[in-house]
Amino acid sequence: MRPPTSHGRQGSSSGRKPPPGPAPSAPRRTAERVCAMVAASGRLAVCDVAELNPALDVDDRTARAGARLLHRILDTTPPAA
């Protein structure tokens, strides 16, 4: 038997790696703080919010998260001079 590989699965004779899992994400509070700091800096020129696959968005979670972050940005951005 082969020892487990770094991703926890048994090694295979093909040498192929399994497909990557979901990307790690930052906690919501961290993302909100970063958005607020960038917006408050007065240097934010462009902001883009995109959802990659709405069909896989369980209970509209990512759509709501994007809306929260956009609201935080718009609510924190200083008025134009």
Protein backbone atom coordinates (compact mmCIF):
# COMPACT_ATOMS: atom_id res chain seq x y z
CA MET A 1 0.00 0.00 0.00
CA ARG A 2 1.27 3.48 -0.84
CA PRO A 3 1.44 6.18 1.82
CA PRO A 4 -1.21 8.92 1.71
CA THR A 5 -0.29 11.91 -0.44
CA SER A 6 -0.31 15.49 0.83
CA HIS A 7 -3.98 15.82 -0.14
CA GLY A 8 -4.97 12.85 2.00
CA ARG A 9 -5.66 10.33 -0.75
CA GLN A 10 -3.76 7.18 -1.50
CA GLY A 11 -1.12 7.56 -4.19
CA SER A 12 -2.03 6.31 -7.64
CA SER A 13 0.02 4.63 -10.30
CA SER A 14 -0.97 7.28 -12.87
CA GLY A 15 0.80 10.07 -10.95
CA ARG A 16 -2.08 12.47 -11.68
CA LYS A 17 -3.23 14.87 -9.01
CA PRO A 18 -6.92 15.10 -8.12
CA PRO A 19 -8.76 18.24 -9.23
CA PRO A 20 -8.44 21.17 -6.82
CA GLY A 21 -11.14 21.65 -4.22
CA PRO A 22 -12.92 24.88 -3.45
CA ALA A 23 -10.69 27.91 -2.98
CA PRO A 24 -10.21 29.04 0.61
CA SER A 25 -12.06 32.18 1.50
CA ALA A 26 -11.59 34.96 4.01
CA PRO A 27 -14.05 35.33 6.86
CA ARG A 28 -16.88 37.76 6.10
CA ARG A 29 -15.71 40.30 8.67
CA THR A 30 -12.23 40.35 7.16
CA ALA A 31 -13.61 40.95 3.68
CA GLU A 32 -15.89 43.72 4.97
CA ARG A 33 -13.00 45.43 6.80
CA VAL A 34 -10.78 45.30 3.72
CA CYS A 35 -13.55 46.76 1.54
CA ALA A 36 -14.20 49.52 4.08
CA MET A 37 -10.48 50.37 4.36
CA VAL A 38 -10.03 50.54 0.60
CA ALA A 39 -13.18 52.64 0.17
CA ALA A 40 -12.23 55.00 3.01
CA SER A 41 -8.79 55.57 1.49
CA GLY A 42 -10.34 57.75 -1.20
CA ARG A 43 -8.21 56.00 -3.80
CA LEU A 44 -10.83 53.53 -5.04
CA ALA A 45 -11.33 54.18 -8.74
CA VAL A 46 -13.11 51.05 -9.97
CA CYS A 47 -15.03 48.24 -8.33
CA ASP A 48 -16.39 45.13 -10.03
CA VAL A 49 -18.63 42.50 -8.48
CA ALA A 50 -19.27 39.33 -10.46
CA GLU A 51 -20.91 35.99 -9.74
CA LEU A 52 -19.34 33.11 -11.62
CA ASN A 53 -22.19 30.61 -11.62
CA PRO A 54 -25.54 31.71 -10.18
CA ALA A 55 -26.93 28.20 -10.75
CA LEU A 56 -24.58 26.87 -8.04
CA ASP A 57 -25.27 29.68 -5.56
CA VAL A 58 -27.02 27.88 -2.70
CA ASP A 59 -29.78 30.08 -1.24
CA ASP A 60 -28.27 33.13 -3.02
CA ARG A 61 -25.46 33.18 -0.43
CA THR A 62 -22.75 34.59 -2.68
CA ALA A 63 -25.16 37.08 -4.25
CA ARG A 64 -26.05 38.40 -0.78
CA ALA A 65 -22.37 38.48 0.24
CA GLY A 66 -21.53 40.50 -2.88
CA ALA A 67 -24.40 42.89 -2.19
CA ARG A 68 -23.22 43.36 1.43
CA LEU A 69 -19.66 44.12 0.31
CA LEU A 70 -20.83 46.53 -2.38
CA HIS A 71 -23.05 48.29 0.17
CA ARG A 72 -20.08 48.55 2.55
CA ILE A 73 -17.96 50.09 -0.23
CA LEU A 74 -20.63 52.59 -1.29
CA ASP A 75 -21.49 53.48 2.29
CA THR A 76 -17.81 54.10 3.20
CA THR A 77 -16.56 55.88 0.08
CA PRO A 78 -15.95 59.58 0.75
CA PRO A 79 -17.81 62.04 -1.48
CA ALA A 80 -16.02 63.18 -4.63
CA ALA A 81 -14.23 66.49 -4.28
